[in-house]
Amino acid sequence: MSDHDDDFVGYARIAAPRLRRTAYLLCHDWHLAQDFTQSALAKLFVHWPRIQRRESPDAYARKVLLRVFLDHQRRSSSREIVTDRVAERAAPDGRPELRVTLLEALRRIPPRDRAILVLRYWEDQSIDTVADLLGVSAATVKTQSTRGLNRLRELLGAGELIES
C-alpha cells in the first residue's frame, strides 16, 4: 500500500462511524446508512490525494455523503417502505421513547429539509457551511431550517416538547 492508501485507511476508520450516524439520521435505516457511508468513502478514496491537501477532509466527506443521500432520494427505486422499528440503542438519557418519537418525526420531513436539520442541529454546522454543502444560499438554509423545525413541532405536538 502507498502512503496515500495508509492515510485514507486511517481516516476512514475514524470517520466512518460518524458518517454512518449522520447517514442514519438522514435515511432512518442502518443498512442503507452503511451503504451511503461506503459509497461516500469509495468516492473519497478515488480523490484522496487531492482531498488530503484541503483544509478539512471531514467537510468534503459530509458533502459527498449528502450528495449520495440526495441522489438516492431522487431515484424512483429509493421509494421503499420503511417499517416502524425501535432504534438499535436506547437514548442516553433513559428516555428511549422520546428518541424514537423524534426520529420518526424527522423521517417525515422532506429529504432536503431533513438534511438541513441534521447538518445544522445534529452536526452543529454553521448556516454558511450547510449552504455550501448543499449548494444553496444562506437565506435558503435559514428558511428551510425554520420550516423544518416548525414541521417537527407540528409532528411532535407542543405537549411532547415540554418536560413534565
N, C-alpha and C. Protein backbone atom coordinates (compact mmCIF):
# COMPACT_ATOMS: atom_id res chain seq x y z
N MET A 1 0.83 -1.19 0.00
CA MET A 1 0.00 0.00 0.00
C MET A 1 0.87 1.24 0.00
N SER A 2 0.36 2.30 -0.65
CA SER A 2 1.10 3.55 -0.67
C SER A 2 0.79 4.35 0.59
N ASP A 3 1.54 5.42 0.77
CA ASP A 3 1.29 6.29 1.93
C ASP A 3 -0.11 6.89 1.87
N HIS A 4 -0.56 7.24 0.65
CA HIS A 4 -1.91 7.79 0.49
C HIS A 4 -2.97 6.79 0.92
N ASP A 5 -2.75 5.52 0.54
CA ASP A 5 -3.70 4.47 0.92
C ASP A 5 -3.74 4.29 2.43
N ASP A 6 -2.56 4.28 3.05
CA ASP A 6 -2.50 4.14 4.51
C ASP A 6 -3.19 5.31 5.20
N ASP A 7 -2.95 6.52 4.68
CA ASP A 7 -3.60 7.70 5.26
C ASP A 7 -5.11 7.61 5.13
N PHE A 8 -5.57 7.14 3.97
CA PHE A 8 -7.02 7.04 3.77
C PHE A 8 -7.62 6.00 4.70
N VAL A 9 -6.98 4.86 4.84
CA VAL A 9 -7.49 3.80 5.73
C VAL A 9 -7.61 4.33 7.16
N GLY A 10 -6.62 5.06 7.61
CA GLY A 10 -6.67 5.65 8.95
C GLY A 10 -7.81 6.65 9.07
N TYR A 11 -7.96 7.49 8.06
CA TYR A 11 -9.06 8.47 8.07
C TYR A 11 -10.41 7.76 8.07
N ALA A 12 -10.56 6.75 7.21
CA ALA A 12 -11.84 6.05 7.08
C ALA A 12 -12.24 5.37 8.38
N ARG A 13 -11.28 4.80 9.09
CA ARG A 13 -11.58 4.14 10.38
C ARG A 13 -12.16 5.13 11.39
N ILE A 14 -11.63 6.33 11.37
CA ILE A 14 -12.10 7.35 12.31
C ILE A 14 -13.42 7.97 11.85
N ALA A 15 -13.54 8.26 10.57
CA ALA A 15 -14.69 8.99 10.05
C ALA A 15 -15.93 8.13 9.81
N ALA A 16 -15.76 6.86 9.52
CA ALA A 16 -16.89 6.00 9.14
C ALA A 16 -18.01 5.96 10.18
N PRO A 17 -17.74 5.78 11.47
CA PRO A 17 -18.85 5.75 12.44
C PRO A 17 -19.63 7.06 12.48
N ARG A 18 -18.94 8.18 12.40
CA ARG A 18 -19.60 9.49 12.40
C ARG A 18 -20.44 9.67 11.14
N LEU A 19 -19.89 9.29 9.99
CA LEU A 19 -20.64 9.40 8.73
C LEU A 19 -21.86 8.49 8.75
N ARG A 20 -21.70 7.31 9.31
CA ARG A 20 -22.83 6.37 9.37
C ARG A 20 -23.95 6.91 10.25
N ARG A 21 -23.60 7.50 11.39
CA ARG A 21 -24.63 8.09 12.25
C ARG A 21 -25.37 9.21 11.53
N THR A 22 -24.63 10.05 10.83
CA THR A 22 -25.25 11.14 10.07
C THR A 22 -26.15 10.56 8.99
N ALA A 23 -25.66 9.55 8.28
CA ALA A 23 -26.47 8.92 7.23
C ALA A 23 -27.74 8.31 7.80
N TYR A 24 -27.63 7.71 8.99
CA TYR A 24 -28.82 7.14 9.62
C TYR A 24 -29.86 8.22 9.91
N LEU A 25 -29.41 9.35 10.40
CA LEU A 25 -30.35 10.43 10.68
C LEU A 25 -31.02 10.93 9.41
N LEU A 26 -30.34 10.80 8.30
CA LEU A 26 -30.92 11.22 7.03
C LEU A 26 -31.92 10.20 6.48
N CYS A 27 -31.60 8.89 6.60
CA CYS A 27 -32.43 7.88 5.94
C CYS A 27 -33.21 6.98 6.89
N HIS A 28 -32.85 6.91 8.17
CA HIS A 28 -33.54 6.11 9.20
C HIS A 28 -33.51 4.62 8.91
N ASP A 29 -32.41 4.16 8.34
CA ASP A 29 -32.23 2.74 8.06
C ASP A 29 -30.73 2.46 8.20
N TRP A 30 -30.35 1.65 9.21
CA TRP A 30 -28.93 1.42 9.47
C TRP A 30 -28.23 0.77 8.29
N HIS A 31 -28.91 -0.13 7.60
CA HIS A 31 -28.28 -0.82 6.47
C HIS A 31 -28.07 0.14 5.30
N LEU A 32 -29.06 0.95 5.03
CA LEU A 32 -28.93 1.95 3.97
C LEU A 32 -27.89 3.00 4.36
N ALA A 33 -27.84 3.35 5.63
CA ALA A 33 -26.82 4.29 6.11
C ALA A 33 -25.42 3.72 5.89
N GLN A 34 -25.26 2.43 6.12
CA GLN A 34 -23.97 1.79 5.86
C GLN A 34 -23.64 1.84 4.36
N ASP A 35 -24.64 1.61 3.51
CA ASP A 35 -24.41 1.70 2.06
C ASP A 35 -24.00 3.11 1.65
N PHE A 36 -24.69 4.11 2.20
CA PHE A 36 -24.35 5.50 1.89
C PHE A 36 -22.92 5.81 2.34
N THR A 37 -22.57 5.35 3.54
CA THR A 37 -21.23 5.60 4.07
C THR A 37 -20.17 4.95 3.19
N GLN A 38 -20.41 3.71 2.79
CA GLN A 38 -19.44 3.02 1.93
C GLN A 38 -19.31 3.71 0.58
N SER A 39 -20.43 4.14 0.01
CA SER A 39 -20.38 4.86 -1.27
C SER A 39 -19.60 6.16 -1.14
N ALA A 40 -19.87 6.88 -0.06
CA ALA A 40 -19.16 8.15 0.16
C ALA A 40 -17.66 7.90 0.34
N LEU A 41 -17.29 6.90 1.12
CA LEU A 41 -15.88 6.60 1.33
C LEU A 41 -15.21 6.13 0.04
N ALA A 42 -15.92 5.38 -0.78
CA ALA A 42 -15.35 4.95 -2.06
C ALA A 42 -15.07 6.16 -2.95
N LYS A 43 -15.99 7.12 -2.97
CA LYS A 43 -15.78 8.33 -3.77
C LYS A 43 -14.62 9.16 -3.20
N LEU A 44 -14.52 9.19 -1.89
CA LEU A 44 -13.41 9.91 -1.27
C LEU A 44 -12.07 9.26 -1.62
N PHE A 45 -12.04 7.94 -1.62
CA PHE A 45 -10.79 7.23 -1.90
C PHE A 45 -10.24 7.57 -3.28
N VAL A 46 -11.13 7.67 -4.25
CA VAL A 46 -10.71 7.96 -5.62
C VAL A 46 -9.96 9.29 -5.69
N HIS A 47 -10.41 10.26 -4.91
CA HIS A 47 -9.82 11.60 -4.96
C HIS A 47 -8.99 11.93 -3.73
N TRP A 48 -8.61 10.93 -2.94
CA TRP A 48 -7.96 11.16 -1.67
C TRP A 48 -6.71 12.03 -1.74
N PRO A 49 -5.80 11.83 -2.67
CA PRO A 49 -4.60 12.69 -2.68
C PRO A 49 -4.94 14.18 -2.80
N ARG A 50 -5.96 14.48 -3.61
CA ARG A 50 -6.38 15.88 -3.78
C ARG A 50 -7.13 16.37 -2.53
N ILE A 51 -7.98 15.53 -1.97
CA ILE A 51 -8.77 15.91 -0.79
C ILE A 51 -7.87 16.13 0.41
N GLN A 52 -6.84 15.31 0.52
CA GLN A 52 -5.92 15.37 1.66
C GLN A 52 -5.23 16.73 1.74
N ARG A 53 -5.06 17.38 0.60
CA ARG A 53 -4.40 18.69 0.59
C ARG A 53 -5.34 19.80 1.04
N ARG A 54 -6.62 19.53 1.08
CA ARG A 54 -7.58 20.53 1.53
C ARG A 54 -7.50 20.70 3.04
N GLU A 55 -8.11 21.77 3.51
CA GLU A 55 -8.08 22.03 4.95
C GLU A 55 -8.89 21.03 5.75
N SER A 56 -10.04 20.61 5.21
CA SER A 56 -10.92 19.76 6.00
C SER A 56 -11.50 18.61 5.18
N PRO A 57 -10.90 17.43 5.28
CA PRO A 57 -11.49 16.28 4.60
C PRO A 57 -12.88 15.94 5.16
N ASP A 58 -13.14 16.28 6.43
CA ASP A 58 -14.45 15.99 7.03
C ASP A 58 -15.56 16.76 6.32
N ALA A 59 -15.32 18.01 6.01
CA ALA A 59 -16.33 18.80 5.31
C ALA A 59 -16.61 18.21 3.93
N TYR A 60 -15.56 17.80 3.26
CA TYR A 60 -15.72 17.19 1.94
C TYR A 60 -16.47 15.87 2.08
N ALA A 61 -16.16 15.08 3.09
CA ALA A 61 -16.83 13.80 3.30
C ALA A 61 -18.32 14.01 3.56
N ARG A 62 -18.67 15.00 4.37
CA ARG A 62 -20.09 15.29 4.62
C ARG A 62 -20.79 15.69 3.34
N LYS A 63 -20.12 16.48 2.52
CA LYS A 63 -20.71 16.92 1.25
C LYS A 63 -20.97 15.73 0.33
N VAL A 64 -20.01 14.83 0.24
CA VAL A 64 -20.17 13.64 -0.58
C VAL A 64 -21.30 12.77 -0.04
N LEU A 65 -21.36 12.58 1.28
CA LEU A 65 -22.41 11.79 1.90
C LEU A 65 -23.79 12.39 1.60
N LEU A 66 -23.91 13.70 1.73
CA LEU A 66 -25.19 14.35 1.42
C LEU A 66 -25.59 14.15 -0.02
N ARG A 67 -24.64 14.26 -0.91
CA ARG A 67 -24.97 14.06 -2.33
C ARG A 67 -25.38 12.62 -2.62
N VAL A 68 -24.73 11.67 -1.97
CA VAL A 68 -25.12 10.26 -2.12
C VAL A 68 -26.56 10.09 -1.63
N PHE A 69 -26.87 10.65 -0.48
CA PHE A 69 -28.23 10.56 0.08
C PHE A 69 -29.25 11.22 -0.85
N LEU A 70 -28.99 12.45 -1.27
CA LEU A 70 -29.94 13.18 -2.11
C LEU A 70 -30.10 12.52 -3.47
N ASP A 71 -29.02 11.99 -4.04
CA ASP A 71 -29.12 11.26 -5.31
C ASP A 71 -30.00 10.02 -5.15
N HIS A 72 -29.84 9.34 -4.03
CA HIS A 72 -30.66 8.16 -3.77
C HIS A 72 -32.14 8.54 -3.66
N GLN A 73 -32.41 9.67 -3.03
CA GLN A 73 -33.79 10.11 -2.87
C GLN A 73 -34.44 10.48 -4.20
N ARG A 74 -33.64 10.94 -5.15
CA ARG A 74 -34.18 11.35 -6.45
C ARG A 74 -34.55 10.15 -7.32
N ARG A 75 -33.87 9.03 -7.11
CA ARG A 75 -34.17 7.85 -7.92
C ARG A 75 -35.50 7.26 -7.50
N SER A 76 -36.27 6.81 -8.47
CA SER A 76 -37.59 6.24 -8.15
C SER A 76 -37.45 4.94 -7.37
N SER A 77 -36.33 4.23 -7.50
CA SER A 77 -36.16 2.98 -6.78
C SER A 77 -35.94 3.20 -5.28
N SER A 78 -35.75 4.45 -4.88
CA SER A 78 -35.50 4.73 -3.47
C SER A 78 -36.78 4.86 -2.66
N ARG A 79 -37.90 4.63 -3.27
CA ARG A 79 -39.18 4.81 -2.58
C ARG A 79 -39.62 3.54 -1.85
N GLU A 80 -38.72 2.99 -1.08
CA GLU A 80 -39.03 1.80 -0.29
C GLU A 80 -39.89 2.18 0.90
N ILE A 81 -40.65 1.24 1.36
CA ILE A 81 -41.47 1.47 2.55
C ILE A 81 -40.65 1.02 3.76
N VAL A 82 -40.42 1.93 4.68
CA VAL A 82 -39.67 1.62 5.88
C VAL A 82 -40.65 1.24 6.97
N THR A 83 -40.39 0.12 7.63
CA THR A 83 -41.28 -0.31 8.70
C THR A 83 -40.88 0.37 10.00
N ASP A 84 -41.82 0.45 10.90
CA ASP A 84 -41.53 1.03 12.21
C ASP A 84 -40.68 0.06 13.00
N ARG A 85 -39.53 0.58 13.48
CA ARG A 85 -38.63 -0.23 14.30
C ARG A 85 -38.06 0.65 15.39
N VAL A 86 -37.71 0.02 16.46
CA VAL A 86 -37.06 0.72 17.55
C VAL A 86 -35.60 0.94 17.17
N ALA A 87 -35.04 2.06 17.58
CA ALA A 87 -33.64 2.35 17.32
C ALA A 87 -32.77 1.24 17.91
N GLU A 88 -31.57 1.05 17.33
CA GLU A 88 -30.69 -0.03 17.77
C GLU A 88 -30.20 0.13 19.20
N ARG A 89 -30.13 1.35 19.70
CA ARG A 89 -29.68 1.55 21.08
C ARG A 89 -30.55 2.62 21.73
N ALA A 90 -30.64 2.54 23.02
CA ALA A 90 -31.51 3.45 23.76
C ALA A 90 -30.90 4.85 23.83
N ALA A 91 -31.76 5.82 24.02
CA ALA A 91 -31.29 7.19 24.20
C ALA A 91 -30.47 7.26 25.49
N PRO A 92 -29.41 8.06 25.50
CA PRO A 92 -28.55 8.10 26.68
C PRO A 92 -29.24 8.64 27.93
N ASP A 93 -30.29 9.41 27.79
CA ASP A 93 -30.93 9.99 28.97
C ASP A 93 -31.95 9.05 29.61
N GLY A 94 -32.07 7.82 29.09
CA GLY A 94 -33.00 6.87 29.68
C GLY A 94 -34.43 7.06 29.21
N ARG A 95 -34.64 7.89 28.18
CA ARG A 95 -35.99 8.10 27.64
C ARG A 95 -36.00 7.69 26.17
N PRO A 96 -35.89 6.40 25.90
CA PRO A 96 -35.81 5.94 24.50
C PRO A 96 -37.06 6.28 23.70
N GLU A 97 -38.21 6.36 24.36
CA GLU A 97 -39.44 6.67 23.63
C GLU A 97 -39.39 8.07 23.02
N LEU A 98 -38.72 9.00 23.68
CA LEU A 98 -38.58 10.35 23.14
C LEU A 98 -37.69 10.32 21.89
N ARG A 99 -36.61 9.55 21.96
CA ARG A 99 -35.72 9.43 20.80
C ARG A 99 -36.45 8.81 19.62
N VAL A 100 -37.20 7.73 19.85
CA VAL A 100 -37.93 7.06 18.78
C VAL A 100 -38.96 8.02 18.18
N THR A 101 -39.65 8.76 19.02
CA THR A 101 -40.64 9.73 18.55
C THR A 101 -39.98 10.81 17.69
N LEU A 102 -38.87 11.32 18.15
CA LEU A 102 -38.16 12.35 17.40
C LEU A 102 -37.65 11.81 16.07
N LEU A 103 -37.07 10.62 16.08
CA LEU A 103 -36.57 10.03 14.83
C LEU A 103 -37.70 9.77 13.84
N GLU A 104 -38.84 9.33 14.33
CA GLU A 104 -40.00 9.10 13.46
C GLU A 104 -40.48 10.42 12.86
N ALA A 105 -40.54 11.46 13.67
CA ALA A 105 -40.95 12.77 13.16
C ALA A 105 -39.94 13.28 12.14
N LEU A 106 -38.67 13.11 12.40
CA LEU A 106 -37.63 13.55 11.47
C LEU A 106 -37.74 12.80 10.14
N ARG A 107 -38.12 11.53 10.20
CA ARG A 107 -38.28 10.74 8.98
C ARG A 107 -39.37 11.30 8.08
N ARG A 108 -40.34 11.97 8.66
CA ARG A 108 -41.47 12.51 7.89
C ARG A 108 -41.17 13.86 7.24
N ILE A 109 -40.04 14.44 7.57
CA ILE A 109 -39.62 15.71 6.98
C ILE A 109 -39.06 15.42 5.58
N PRO A 110 -39.33 16.27 4.58
CA PRO A 110 -38.78 16.05 3.23
C PRO A 110 -37.24 15.95 3.28
N PRO A 111 -36.65 15.17 2.37
CA PRO A 111 -35.21 14.88 2.42
C PRO A 111 -34.30 16.11 2.51
N ARG A 112 -34.53 17.14 1.71
CA ARG A 112 -33.64 18.31 1.75
C ARG A 112 -33.78 19.04 3.08
N ASP A 113 -35.01 19.21 3.56
CA ASP A 113 -35.22 19.86 4.86
C ASP A 113 -34.59 19.01 5.98
N ARG A 114 -34.72 17.68 5.87
CA ARG A 114 -34.13 16.78 6.85
C ARG A 114 -32.61 16.93 6.84
N ALA A 115 -32.04 17.01 5.65
CA ALA A 115 -30.59 17.18 5.55
C ALA A 115 -30.15 18.46 6.23
N ILE A 116 -30.89 19.53 6.02
CA ILE A 116 -30.54 20.81 6.64
C ILE A 116 -30.65 20.71 8.16
N LEU A 117 -31.72 20.10 8.67
CA LEU A 117 -31.88 19.97 10.12
C LEU A 117 -30.77 19.11 10.73
N VAL A 118 -30.45 18.01 10.08
CA VAL A 118 -29.39 17.13 10.61
C VAL A 118 -28.06 17.86 10.63
N LEU A 119 -27.74 18.55 9.54
CA LEU A 119 -26.45 19.26 9.50
C LEU A 119 -26.40 20.41 10.50
N ARG A 120 -27.47 21.18 10.58
CA ARG A 120 -27.48 22.34 11.46
C ARG A 120 -27.51 21.96 12.94
N TYR A 121 -28.37 21.02 13.30
CA TYR A 121 -28.62 20.79 14.72
C TYR A 121 -28.02 19.50 15.26
N TRP A 122 -27.74 18.51 14.44
CA TRP A 122 -27.07 17.30 14.92
C TRP A 122 -25.57 17.44 14.73
N GLU A 123 -25.18 17.84 13.51
CA GLU A 123 -23.75 18.02 13.20
C GLU A 123 -23.22 19.37 13.69
N ASP A 124 -24.12 20.26 14.10
CA ASP A 124 -23.76 21.58 14.61
C ASP A 124 -22.92 22.39 13.62
N GLN A 125 -23.35 22.36 12.35
CA GLN A 125 -22.66 23.10 11.31
C GLN A 125 -23.26 24.51 11.19
N SER A 126 -22.45 25.45 10.73
CA SER A 126 -22.93 26.82 10.55
C SER A 126 -23.86 26.90 9.35
N ILE A 127 -24.61 27.97 9.28
CA ILE A 127 -25.51 28.20 8.15
C ILE A 127 -24.71 28.25 6.86
N ASP A 128 -23.58 28.95 6.87
CA ASP A 128 -22.76 29.06 5.66
C ASP A 128 -22.21 27.71 5.23
N THR A 129 -21.80 26.88 6.18
CA THR A 129 -21.27 25.56 5.85
C THR A 129 -22.36 24.69 5.22
N VAL A 130 -23.55 24.71 5.80
CA VAL A 130 -24.66 23.93 5.26
C VAL A 130 -25.02 24.43 3.86
N ALA A 131 -25.04 25.74 3.69
CA ALA A 131 -25.34 26.31 2.38
C ALA A 131 -24.33 25.85 1.34
N ASP A 132 -23.07 25.85 1.72
CA ASP A 132 -22.01 25.40 0.81
C ASP A 132 -22.15 23.92 0.50
N LEU A 133 -22.42 23.10 1.51
CA LEU A 133 -22.56 21.66 1.30
C LEU A 133 -23.71 21.33 0.34
N LEU A 134 -24.81 22.06 0.47
CA LEU A 134 -25.99 21.76 -0.34
C LEU A 134 -26.06 22.59 -1.62
N GLY A 135 -25.15 23.56 -1.76
CA GLY A 135 -25.16 24.38 -2.96
C GLY A 135 -26.35 25.33 -3.04
N VAL A 136 -26.74 25.86 -1.88
CA VAL A 136 -27.85 26.81 -1.82
C VAL A 136 -27.39 28.06 -1.07
N SER A 137 -28.23 29.08 -1.05
CA SER A 137 -27.86 30.31 -0.34
C SER A 137 -28.08 30.15 1.16
N ALA A 138 -27.43 31.01 1.93
CA ALA A 138 -27.61 31.01 3.38
C ALA A 138 -29.07 31.32 3.73
N ALA A 139 -29.70 32.19 2.95
CA ALA A 139 -31.11 32.52 3.20
C ALA A 139 -32.00 31.29 3.03
N THR A 140 -31.68 30.45 2.06
CA THR A 140 -32.44 29.22 1.85
C THR A 140 -32.28 28.29 3.04
N VAL A 141 -31.07 28.19 3.56
CA VAL A 141 -30.83 27.34 4.73
C VAL A 141 -31.64 27.86 5.92
N LYS A 142 -31.63 29.17 6.13
CA LYS A 142 -32.39 29.74 7.25
C LYS A 142 -33.89 29.46 7.09
N THR A 143 -34.41 29.69 5.88
CA THR A 143 -35.83 29.49 5.63
C THR A 143 -36.22 28.03 5.81
N GLN A 144 -35.42 27.13 5.23
CA GLN A 144 -35.76 25.71 5.33
C GLN A 144 -35.53 25.16 6.74
N SER A 145 -34.58 25.74 7.48
CA SER A 145 -34.39 25.35 8.88
C SER A 145 -35.63 25.70 9.68
N THR A 146 -36.11 26.91 9.50
CA THR A 146 -37.31 27.35 10.21
C THR A 146 -38.51 26.50 9.83
N ARG A 147 -38.66 26.27 8.53
CA ARG A 147 -39.78 25.45 8.07
C ARG A 147 -39.68 24.03 8.61
N GLY A 148 -38.49 23.45 8.58
CA GLY A 148 -38.29 22.09 9.09
C GLY A 148 -38.57 21.98 10.58
N LEU A 149 -38.08 22.96 11.35
CA LEU A 149 -38.33 22.96 12.79
C LEU A 149 -39.81 23.11 13.10
N ASN A 150 -40.48 23.99 12.35
CA ASN A 150 -41.92 24.16 12.55
C ASN A 150 -42.66 22.86 12.22
N ARG A 151 -42.25 22.19 11.17
CA ARG A 151 -42.88 20.92 10.80
C ARG A 151 -42.64 19.87 11.89
N LEU A 152 -41.42 19.83 12.44
CA LEU A 152 -41.14 18.91 13.55
C LEU A 152 -42.04 19.22 14.75
N ARG A 153 -42.19 20.50 15.05
CA ARG A 153 -43.06 20.88 16.18
C ARG A 153 -44.49 20.43 15.94
N GLU A 154 -44.97 20.58 14.70
CA GLU A 154 -46.32 20.11 14.37
C GLU A 154 -46.45 18.61 14.56
N LEU A 155 -45.45 17.89 14.05
CA LEU A 155 -45.49 16.43 14.14
C LEU A 155 -45.41 15.94 15.59
N LEU A 156 -44.62 16.63 16.40
CA LEU A 156 -44.44 16.22 17.80
C LEU A 156 -45.55 16.73 18.70
N GLY A 157 -46.16 17.83 18.34
CA GLY A 157 -47.16 18.43 19.19
C GLY A 157 -46.49 19.21 20.29
N ALA A 158 -47.08 20.32 20.70
CA ALA A 158 -46.46 21.20 21.71
C ALA A 158 -46.24 20.47 23.02
N GLY A 159 -47.14 19.57 23.42
CA GLY A 159 -47.02 18.87 24.69
C GLY A 159 -45.83 17.93 24.74
N GLU A 160 -45.43 17.41 23.57
CA GLU A 160 -44.30 16.47 23.51
C GLU A 160 -42.99 17.20 23.81
N LEU A 161 -42.92 18.50 23.51
CA LEU A 161 -41.68 19.23 23.66
C LEU A 161 -41.45 19.72 25.09
N ILE A 162 -42.50 19.77 25.87
CA ILE A 162 -42.39 20.31 27.23
C ILE A 162 -42.15 19.15 28.20
N GLU A 163 -41.10 19.26 28.99
CA GLU A 163 -40.81 18.25 30.01
C GLU A 163 -41.86 18.31 31.10
N SER A 164 -42.24 17.16 31.62
CA SER A 164 -43.21 17.18 32.73
C SER A 164 -42.52 17.12 34.05
